[in-house]
Amino acid sequence: MLESMKKLFSGSLGRTKLSIIITSFIVFSTILGFGVFHGTKAAVTVNVDGEEVSLRTHAKTVADILKELDISIHPEDHLEPSKDTVVSDSMQIVWNPAKEVTLVIDDKEQKVFTTAETVKQLLNESNIDLQEHDKISQSLDTNIENDLVIAINKAFQFTLNDGGEEKKVWSTSTTVADFLEQHEIAVNDLDRVEPSLEELVAKDSVLKITRVEKVTDVVEEPIDFAVVTKNDSSLDKGKEEIVQQGEEGTVANHYEVILENGEEVSRELVKTETVKESMDRIVAVGTKAPPQPKPQQVVARSTESSSEEFYVDSTAYTAYCNGCSGVTSTGINLRTNPGVKVIAVDPNVIPLGTKVYVEGYGYAVAGDTGGAIKGHKIDVFFEDKDTAYKWGRKKVKIKILD
């Protein structure tokens, strides 16, 4: 073709002009070829992890475009359309690279790749059912980032015995101390916790809190009064008079009491205080000696002048028997006159002062009375207990003398 053109222009054009024409033709052809090359490229938009990249390309497939962009595809990545899709003009390509996340469930760790946008979406994709009492280290709306760590502690039930009251509670695998803090359960210094605060809470176990209290109990108790006797020479011997009535005092005993779950388990006396002093009872005891009877007044006659006689029940007593003062109701001092013959009588049967003869005892005078001597009963006096015991209790005949 160039030869024909040379012949065509050989007659009328010079070499210079010919060169210019050839050069212009080459430039035009190049520009035309470049325009045709670029005009045949497809316009493609690639969304790379949320950022859009627009380009024109002669790539045949989506994989070719990603290669041009130096993008490596991970199996868990989200790519739309697929790598084998043929490129077309105005194509939209979306690539979301999967992020590596560490899942720790009850101390079991696993690595996962995900294109989920939030923690909640990841749990749904992984079929992880999060229960009400489970603990998770991230909030559900946390955005997924590379190297994010999500720790999940699954909750379980066990028994809490707090002060004797039992109930079922939920917890995750944590120490007893952490469980009490999380549930705002206060434990006092004296309280006992089993198992110990450092141990882990276990499924189906029992956490027992024994509530211990130390309290002070003040108990008022009476104090008996003392009885003080004072000799009184103005009173007949054997008589007593109360000069001052006694009054009980009061003492306060302070006890340290230990309670466990409200029940008393120990009590210790720590202090005693006198609230009210007691007042002694003062008794005056007579020391005045009664007039001594004349010997002839207490010695029975040997001659009977009366024939009245009857049977009576008799017992014996001494001057030192229980409750005896040693002085008869008629004033005879039996302790200073141990040989006198006296009987105690019922004055309604035998008047006091009557001289009598008692079978087995002898002549005597009715000179005393007794609380148990009623009716046809008498109590005969002996100097010593042995003789009184030998007399015992028996029925005897008594004669009333003039």
Protein backbone atom coordinates (compact mmCIF):
# COMPACT_ATOMS: atom_id res chain seq x y z
CA MET A 1 0.00 0.00 0.00
CA LEU A 2 2.87 2.34 0.81
CA GLU A 3 4.36 1.63 -2.61
CA SER A 4 1.13 2.65 -4.33
CA MET A 5 0.97 5.82 -2.30
CA LYS A 6 4.57 6.63 -3.21
CA LYS A 7 3.77 6.24 -6.86
CA LEU A 8 0.64 8.28 -6.46
CA PHE A 9 2.40 11.16 -4.81
CA SER A 10 5.82 10.75 -6.50
CA GLY A 11 5.10 13.19 -9.16
CA SER A 12 3.72 16.05 -7.22
CA LEU A 13 4.94 15.66 -3.56
CA GLY A 14 8.37 15.85 -2.17
CA ARG A 15 9.96 13.54 0.37
CA THR A 16 9.27 15.82 3.30
CA LYS A 17 5.61 16.01 2.72
CA LEU A 18 5.44 12.30 2.25
CA SER A 19 7.07 11.69 5.61
CA ILE A 20 4.62 13.97 7.38
CA ILE A 21 1.66 12.18 5.83
CA ILE A 22 2.96 8.76 6.86
CA THR A 23 3.66 9.89 10.40
CA SER A 24 0.21 11.40 10.75
CA PHE A 25 -1.37 8.21 9.53
CA ILE A 26 0.50 6.13 12.12
CA VAL A 27 -0.49 8.49 14.95
CA PHE A 28 -4.11 8.45 13.89
CA SER A 29 -4.13 4.67 13.70
CA THR A 30 -2.62 4.43 17.19
CA ILE A 31 -5.13 6.85 18.67
CA LEU A 32 -7.94 5.03 16.98
CA GLY A 33 -6.71 1.68 18.25
CA PHE A 34 -6.29 3.02 21.80
CA GLY A 35 -9.80 4.43 21.77
CA VAL A 36 -11.23 1.16 20.49
CA PHE A 37 -9.27 -0.78 23.22
CA HIS A 38 -10.52 1.35 26.07
CA GLY A 39 -13.97 1.68 24.64
CA THR A 40 -14.42 -2.08 24.88
CA LYS A 41 -13.62 -2.21 28.71
CA ALA A 42 -16.47 -3.03 31.15
CA ALA A 43 -17.31 -0.50 33.92
CA VAL A 44 -17.34 -2.36 37.27
CA THR A 45 -17.96 -1.23 40.89
CA VAL A 46 -16.34 -3.28 43.65
CA ASN A 47 -17.50 -2.80 47.29
CA VAL A 48 -14.45 -3.77 49.34
CA ASP A 49 -15.43 -4.18 53.01
CA GLY A 50 -17.78 -1.19 52.80
CA GLU A 51 -15.62 1.00 50.52
CA GLU A 52 -16.50 1.32 46.84
CA VAL A 53 -13.86 1.04 44.09
CA SER A 54 -14.83 1.87 40.45
CA LEU A 55 -12.80 0.54 37.54
CA ARG A 56 -12.94 -0.38 33.88
CA THR A 57 -11.56 -3.75 32.94
CA HIS A 58 -11.18 -6.37 30.27
CA ALA A 59 -11.23 -9.09 32.99
CA LYS A 60 -13.41 -12.02 32.08
CA THR A 61 -14.53 -13.20 35.56
CA VAL A 62 -14.97 -11.79 39.06
CA ALA A 63 -11.93 -13.80 40.14
CA ASP A 64 -9.85 -11.94 37.50
CA ILE A 65 -11.00 -8.58 38.88
CA LEU A 66 -10.10 -9.58 42.46
CA LYS A 67 -6.71 -10.71 41.20
CA GLU A 68 -6.19 -7.32 39.51
CA LEU A 69 -7.02 -5.69 42.88
CA ASP A 70 -4.64 -8.07 44.69
CA ILE A 71 -7.46 -9.44 46.86
CA SER A 72 -7.19 -12.98 48.33
CA ILE A 73 -10.49 -14.70 49.04
CA HIS A 74 -10.99 -16.72 52.29
CA PRO A 75 -13.63 -19.49 52.17
CA GLU A 76 -15.65 -17.74 54.90
CA ASP A 77 -15.59 -14.40 53.08
CA HIS A 78 -18.81 -13.01 51.65
CA LEU A 79 -18.51 -12.53 47.85
CA GLU A 80 -21.36 -11.59 45.55
CA PRO A 81 -21.54 -12.62 42.77
CA SER A 82 -19.34 -15.73 42.87
CA LYS A 83 -15.76 -15.85 41.58
CA ASP A 84 -16.76 -17.68 38.40
CA THR A 85 -19.32 -15.07 37.35
CA VAL A 86 -18.54 -13.48 33.92
CA VAL A 87 -17.87 -9.77 34.11
CA SER A 88 -20.46 -7.50 32.54
CA ASP A 89 -20.69 -3.75 32.14
CA SER A 90 -22.03 -1.87 35.22
CA MET A 91 -21.51 -4.96 37.37
CA GLN A 92 -21.71 -4.54 41.19
CA ILE A 93 -19.30 -6.76 43.14
CA VAL A 94 -19.51 -6.95 46.97
CA TRP A 95 -16.68 -8.44 49.02
CA ASN A 96 -16.83 -8.58 52.81
CA PRO A 97 -13.75 -10.31 54.25
CA ALA A 98 -14.40 -12.66 57.19
CA LYS A 99 -13.02 -11.53 60.55
CA GLU A 100 -11.27 -13.88 62.97
CA VAL A 101 -12.99 -14.02 66.38
CA THR A 102 -12.11 -16.04 69.49
CA LEU A 103 -15.07 -17.72 71.21
CA VAL A 104 -14.52 -18.93 74.80
CA ILE A 105 -17.44 -20.97 76.17
CA ASP A 106 -16.94 -22.20 79.75
CA ASP A 107 -13.12 -22.06 79.30
CA LYS A 108 -13.27 -23.95 75.95
CA GLU A 109 -11.68 -21.78 73.28
CA GLN A 110 -12.28 -21.87 69.51
CA LYS A 111 -11.37 -19.62 66.58
CA VAL A 112 -14.10 -18.70 64.10
CA PHE A 113 -14.20 -16.65 60.91
CA THR A 114 -17.35 -14.66 60.36
CA THR A 115 -18.87 -11.92 58.26
CA ALA A 116 -21.47 -11.16 60.91
CA GLU A 117 -21.67 -7.50 61.76
CA THR A 118 -22.56 -7.83 65.46
CA VAL A 119 -22.06 -10.29 68.32
CA LYS A 120 -25.76 -11.14 68.24
CA GLN A 121 -25.57 -12.09 64.55
CA LEU A 122 -22.50 -14.24 65.21
CA LEU A 123 -24.26 -16.13 68.03
CA ASN A 124 -27.26 -16.75 65.78
CA GLU A 125 -25.03 -17.99 62.95
CA SER A 126 -23.17 -20.29 65.35
CA ASN A 127 -26.42 -21.64 66.91
CA ILE A 128 -25.31 -20.50 70.36
CA ASP A 129 -28.37 -20.13 72.59
CA LEU A 130 -27.76 -17.45 75.19
CA GLN A 131 -29.94 -17.99 78.29
CA GLU A 132 -31.15 -15.34 80.74
CA HIS A 133 -28.56 -16.05 83.44
CA ASP A 134 -25.58 -16.68 81.11
CA LYS A 135 -22.70 -14.20 81.27
CA ILE A 136 -21.13 -12.76 78.12
CA SER A 137 -18.09 -10.49 77.97
CA GLN A 138 -19.40 -8.38 75.07
CA SER A 139 -22.73 -6.68 74.56
CA LEU A 140 -24.91 -8.18 71.84
CA ASP A 141 -24.71 -5.04 69.67
CA THR A 142 -20.90 -4.92 69.73
CA ASN A 143 -19.48 -4.69 66.20
CA ILE A 144 -17.36 -7.62 65.07
CA GLU A 145 -13.68 -6.76 64.68
CA ASN A 146 -10.63 -8.86 63.99
CA ASP A 147 -9.19 -10.58 67.07
CA LEU A 148 -12.33 -9.86 69.10
CA VAL A 149 -12.63 -12.19 72.13
CA ILE A 150 -16.14 -13.22 73.21
CA ALA A 151 -16.25 -15.13 76.53
CA ILE A 152 -19.50 -16.87 77.52
CA ASN A 153 -20.10 -18.50 80.89
CA LYS A 154 -23.15 -20.77 80.86
CA ALA A 155 -25.31 -20.52 83.98
CA PHE A 156 -26.36 -23.49 86.14
CA GLN A 157 -28.57 -24.00 89.18
CA PHE A 158 -27.56 -24.82 92.75
CA THR A 159 -29.00 -24.43 96.28
CA LEU A 160 -28.39 -21.39 98.48
CA ASN A 161 -29.04 -21.91 102.21
CA ASP A 162 -28.92 -18.46 103.77
CA GLY A 163 -29.56 -18.48 107.51
CA GLY A 164 -31.60 -21.69 107.30
CA GLU A 165 -33.76 -20.57 104.35
CA GLU A 166 -33.16 -22.56 101.15
CA LYS A 167 -33.81 -21.49 97.58
CA LYS A 168 -32.65 -22.39 94.07
CA VAL A 169 -30.36 -19.82 92.42
CA TRP A 170 -28.48 -19.43 89.14
CA SER A 171 -24.78 -18.81 88.74
CA THR A 172 -21.88 -19.19 86.35
CA SER A 173 -18.60 -20.88 87.16
CA THR A 174 -17.22 -18.37 89.64
CA THR A 175 -15.87 -18.29 93.18
CA VAL A 176 -18.18 -18.17 96.18
CA ALA A 177 -16.90 -14.66 97.01
CA ASP A 178 -17.69 -13.40 93.49
CA PHE A 179 -21.15 -14.97 93.56
CA LEU A 180 -21.99 -13.26 96.87
CA GLU A 181 -20.72 -9.92 95.54
CA GLN A 182 -22.65 -10.22 92.25
CA HIS A 183 -25.90 -10.96 94.13
CA GLU A 184 -25.21 -8.33 96.82
CA ILE A 185 -25.34 -10.88 99.63
CA ALA A 186 -23.55 -9.39 102.65
CA VAL A 187 -21.55 -11.68 104.92
CA ASN A 188 -20.60 -10.45 108.40
CA ASP A 189 -17.34 -11.21 110.19
CA LEU A 190 -18.88 -13.86 112.46
CA ASP A 191 -20.89 -15.60 109.72
CA ARG A 192 -19.70 -18.98 108.42
CA VAL A 193 -19.71 -19.76 104.69
CA GLU A 194 -19.42 -23.31 103.31
CA PRO A 195 -17.67 -23.99 100.99
CA SER A 196 -15.02 -21.31 101.57
CA LEU A 197 -15.01 -17.99 99.70
CA GLU A 198 -12.08 -19.08 97.49
CA GLU A 199 -13.76 -22.23 96.16
CA LEU A 200 -15.74 -22.40 92.93
CA VAL A 201 -19.52 -22.63 92.91
CA ALA A 202 -20.52 -26.04 91.50
CA LYS A 203 -23.67 -27.24 89.76
CA ASP A 204 -26.23 -28.94 92.06
CA SER A 205 -24.12 -28.09 95.13
CA VAL A 206 -25.25 -26.32 98.33
CA LEU A 207 -23.85 -22.96 99.40
CA LYS A 208 -24.54 -22.62 103.13
CA ILE A 209 -24.33 -19.35 105.05
CA THR A 210 -24.69 -19.70 108.82
CA ARG A 211 -25.67 -16.33 110.28
CA VAL A 212 -23.84 -15.85 113.59
CA GLU A 213 -24.73 -13.12 116.07
CA LYS A 214 -23.17 -12.17 119.39
CA VAL A 215 -25.63 -10.38 121.67
CA THR A 216 -25.80 -9.38 125.34
CA ASP A 217 -28.71 -10.65 127.41
CA VAL A 218 -29.31 -8.96 130.79
CA VAL A 219 -31.29 -11.09 133.25
CA GLU A 220 -32.43 -9.70 136.60
CA GLU A 221 -32.58 -12.24 139.41
CA PRO A 222 -33.66 -11.88 143.09
CA ILE A 223 -31.21 -12.01 146.00
CA ASP A 224 -32.47 -13.65 149.21
CA PHE A 225 -32.27 -11.56 152.35
CA ALA A 226 -30.35 -12.74 155.40
CA VAL A 227 -31.99 -13.43 158.79
CA VAL A 228 -30.17 -11.77 161.66
CA THR A 229 -31.06 -12.63 165.31
CA LYS A 230 -30.43 -10.28 168.20
CA ASN A 231 -30.81 -11.14 171.88
CA ASP A 232 -33.46 -9.11 173.66
CA SER A 233 -33.47 -9.22 177.46
CA SER A 234 -36.90 -7.60 177.60
CA LEU A 235 -38.52 -10.62 175.95
CA ASP A 236 -39.17 -13.84 177.76
CA LYS A 237 -36.75 -16.56 176.92
CA GLY A 238 -37.96 -18.60 173.93
CA LYS A 239 -40.04 -15.79 172.44
CA GLU A 240 -39.17 -14.12 169.14
CA GLU A 241 -40.30 -10.86 167.56
CA ILE A 242 -39.59 -9.54 164.05
CA VAL A 243 -37.97 -6.12 164.38
CA GLN A 244 -37.41 -5.52 160.65
CA GLN A 245 -39.02 -7.30 157.72
CA GLY A 246 -36.49 -8.54 155.20
CA GLU A 247 -36.57 -7.47 151.52
CA GLU A 248 -35.13 -9.30 148.54
CA GLY A 249 -32.50 -7.53 146.47
CA THR A 250 -32.00 -7.66 142.69
CA VAL A 251 -28.89 -8.51 140.69
CA ALA A 252 -28.42 -8.03 136.92
CA ASN A 253 -26.47 -10.82 135.22
CA HIS A 254 -24.96 -9.90 131.85
CA TYR A 255 -24.63 -12.89 129.52
CA GLU A 256 -22.80 -13.03 126.18
CA VAL A 257 -25.08 -15.09 123.96
CA ILE A 258 -24.11 -16.64 120.61
CA LEU A 259 -26.96 -17.14 118.12
CA GLU A 260 -26.71 -19.22 114.94
CA ASN A 261 -29.54 -18.59 112.50
CA GLY A 262 -31.50 -17.08 115.37
CA GLU A 263 -31.04 -20.08 117.70
CA GLU A 264 -29.02 -19.81 120.93
CA VAL A 265 -25.97 -22.09 120.93
CA SER A 266 -23.98 -20.75 123.88
CA ARG A 267 -24.32 -18.42 126.88
CA GLU A 268 -21.52 -17.10 129.09
CA LEU A 269 -21.80 -14.89 132.18
CA VAL A 270 -19.49 -11.89 131.69
CA LYS A 271 -20.61 -9.39 134.33
CA THR A 272 -22.82 -9.11 137.41
CA GLU A 273 -24.25 -5.83 138.72
CA THR A 274 -26.27 -5.19 141.87
CA VAL A 275 -29.46 -3.35 140.99
CA LYS A 276 -30.98 -3.30 144.48
CA GLU A 277 -29.39 -4.27 147.78
CA SER A 278 -31.25 -6.80 149.92
CA MET A 279 -32.46 -5.83 153.42
CA ASP A 280 -31.81 -8.21 156.34
CA ARG A 281 -34.68 -9.56 158.40
CA ILE A 282 -33.94 -8.77 162.07
CA VAL A 283 -35.46 -11.05 164.70
CA ALA A 284 -35.33 -10.29 168.42
CA VAL A 285 -34.86 -13.43 170.54
CA GLY A 286 -35.93 -13.23 174.17
CA THR A 287 -33.37 -13.99 176.86
CA LYS A 288 -35.45 -13.08 179.93
CA ALA A 289 -35.70 -16.14 182.19
CA PRO A 290 -39.21 -17.02 183.45
CA PRO A 291 -39.81 -17.27 187.18
CA GLN A 292 -38.80 -20.66 188.53
CA PRO A 293 -41.65 -22.75 189.92
CA LYS A 294 -41.37 -23.89 193.50
CA PRO A 295 -40.38 -27.55 193.79
CA GLN A 296 -43.50 -28.42 195.74
CA GLN A 297 -45.62 -27.05 192.90
CA VAL A 298 -44.33 -29.58 190.36
CA VAL A 299 -43.96 -32.66 192.56
CA ALA A 300 -47.00 -34.85 192.42
CA ARG A 301 -48.61 -36.12 195.59
CA SER A 302 -48.44 -39.81 196.38
CA THR A 303 -51.93 -39.89 197.80
CA GLU A 304 -54.78 -40.14 195.38
CA SER A 305 -57.85 -38.12 196.41
CA SER A 306 -59.79 -38.65 193.20
CA SER A 307 -60.96 -41.74 191.47
CA GLU A 308 -61.56 -40.14 187.98
CA GLU A 309 -59.53 -42.04 185.41
CA PHE A 310 -59.63 -42.82 181.68
CA TYR A 311 -57.42 -44.03 178.86
CA VAL A 312 -55.46 -41.70 176.61
CA ASP A 313 -53.07 -42.06 173.63
CA SER A 314 -49.59 -41.06 174.73
CA THR A 315 -46.32 -40.02 173.09
CA ALA A 316 -43.06 -38.67 174.54
CA TYR A 317 -40.91 -35.57 173.98
CA THR A 318 -37.74 -33.85 175.32
CA ALA A 319 -36.71 -30.25 175.97
CA TYR A 320 -34.58 -30.33 172.79
CA CYS A 321 -37.07 -31.62 170.24
CA ASN A 322 -37.53 -29.83 166.91
CA GLY A 323 -39.38 -26.58 167.46
CA CYS A 324 -39.14 -26.86 171.24
CA SER A 325 -37.94 -23.87 173.23
CA GLY A 326 -37.36 -25.88 176.42
CA VAL A 327 -39.94 -23.81 178.34
CA THR A 328 -43.50 -25.10 178.80
CA SER A 329 -46.59 -23.03 178.15
CA THR A 330 -46.95 -22.61 181.93
CA GLY A 331 -43.36 -21.34 182.29
CA ILE A 332 -41.57 -24.46 183.51
CA ASN A 333 -37.96 -24.52 182.24
CA LEU A 334 -37.44 -28.17 181.34
CA ARG A 335 -33.77 -27.70 180.50
CA THR A 336 -32.92 -26.39 183.97
CA ASN A 337 -35.30 -28.87 185.63
CA PRO A 338 -34.60 -32.11 183.71
CA GLY A 339 -36.06 -34.33 186.45
CA VAL A 340 -39.50 -32.73 186.61
CA LYS A 341 -42.54 -34.83 185.64
CA VAL A 342 -44.65 -32.87 183.15
CA ILE A 343 -47.16 -33.88 180.52
CA ALA A 344 -48.58 -31.87 177.62
CA VAL A 345 -52.41 -32.00 177.46
CA ASP A 346 -55.43 -30.61 175.69
CA PRO A 347 -56.65 -27.99 178.23
CA ASN A 348 -60.24 -28.69 177.14
CA VAL A 349 -59.85 -32.25 178.47
CA ILE A 350 -57.33 -31.80 181.30
CA PRO A 351 -56.95 -28.23 182.60
CA LEU A 352 -53.40 -26.87 182.90
CA GLY A 353 -52.00 -27.22 186.41
CA THR A 354 -53.93 -30.43 187.13
CA LYS A 355 -52.01 -33.07 189.01
CA VAL A 356 -52.31 -36.53 187.47
CA TYR A 357 -51.01 -40.06 187.73
CA VAL A 358 -49.95 -41.68 184.44
CA GLU A 359 -49.69 -45.43 184.23
CA GLY A 360 -46.03 -46.40 183.69
CA TYR A 361 -44.84 -42.78 184.13
CA GLY A 362 -45.89 -41.80 187.63
CA TYR A 363 -47.15 -38.63 189.24
CA ALA A 364 -46.98 -35.51 187.09
CA VAL A 365 -48.49 -32.11 186.45
CA ALA A 366 -50.37 -31.02 183.29
CA GLY A 367 -47.97 -28.14 182.56
CA ASP A 368 -47.65 -27.95 178.74
CA THR A 369 -49.60 -27.99 175.50
CA GLY A 370 -48.82 -29.04 171.95
CA GLY A 371 -50.17 -28.40 168.48
CA ALA A 372 -50.82 -32.13 167.91
CA ILE A 373 -52.21 -32.76 171.41
CA LYS A 374 -55.95 -32.67 170.89
CA GLY A 375 -58.65 -34.58 172.76
CA HIS A 376 -57.66 -37.65 174.75
CA LYS A 377 -53.97 -37.39 173.95
CA ILE A 378 -50.98 -36.58 176.14
CA ASP A 379 -47.23 -36.05 175.57
CA VAL A 380 -45.00 -37.12 178.48
CA PHE A 381 -41.66 -35.35 179.18
CA PHE A 382 -38.36 -37.23 179.44
CA GLU A 383 -34.89 -35.89 180.08
CA ASP A 384 -33.20 -37.74 177.19
CA LYS A 385 -34.13 -38.96 173.74
CA ASP A 386 -33.38 -42.64 174.36
CA THR A 387 -35.97 -42.84 177.11
CA ALA A 388 -38.48 -40.91 174.99
CA TYR A 389 -37.90 -43.29 172.04
CA LYS A 390 -38.41 -46.30 174.32
CA TRP A 391 -41.74 -44.87 175.50
CA GLY A 392 -42.86 -44.58 171.89
CA ARG A 393 -46.60 -44.33 171.24
CA LYS A 394 -49.05 -46.28 173.42
CA LYS A 395 -52.40 -46.14 175.16
CA VAL A 396 -52.18 -45.64 178.95
CA LYS A 397 -54.54 -45.07 181.84
CA ILE A 398 -54.46 -41.64 183.47
CA LYS A 399 -55.94 -40.63 186.84
CA ILE A 400 -57.02 -37.10 187.69
CA LEU A 401 -55.92 -36.17 191.23
CA ASP A 402 -57.42 -33.47 193.46
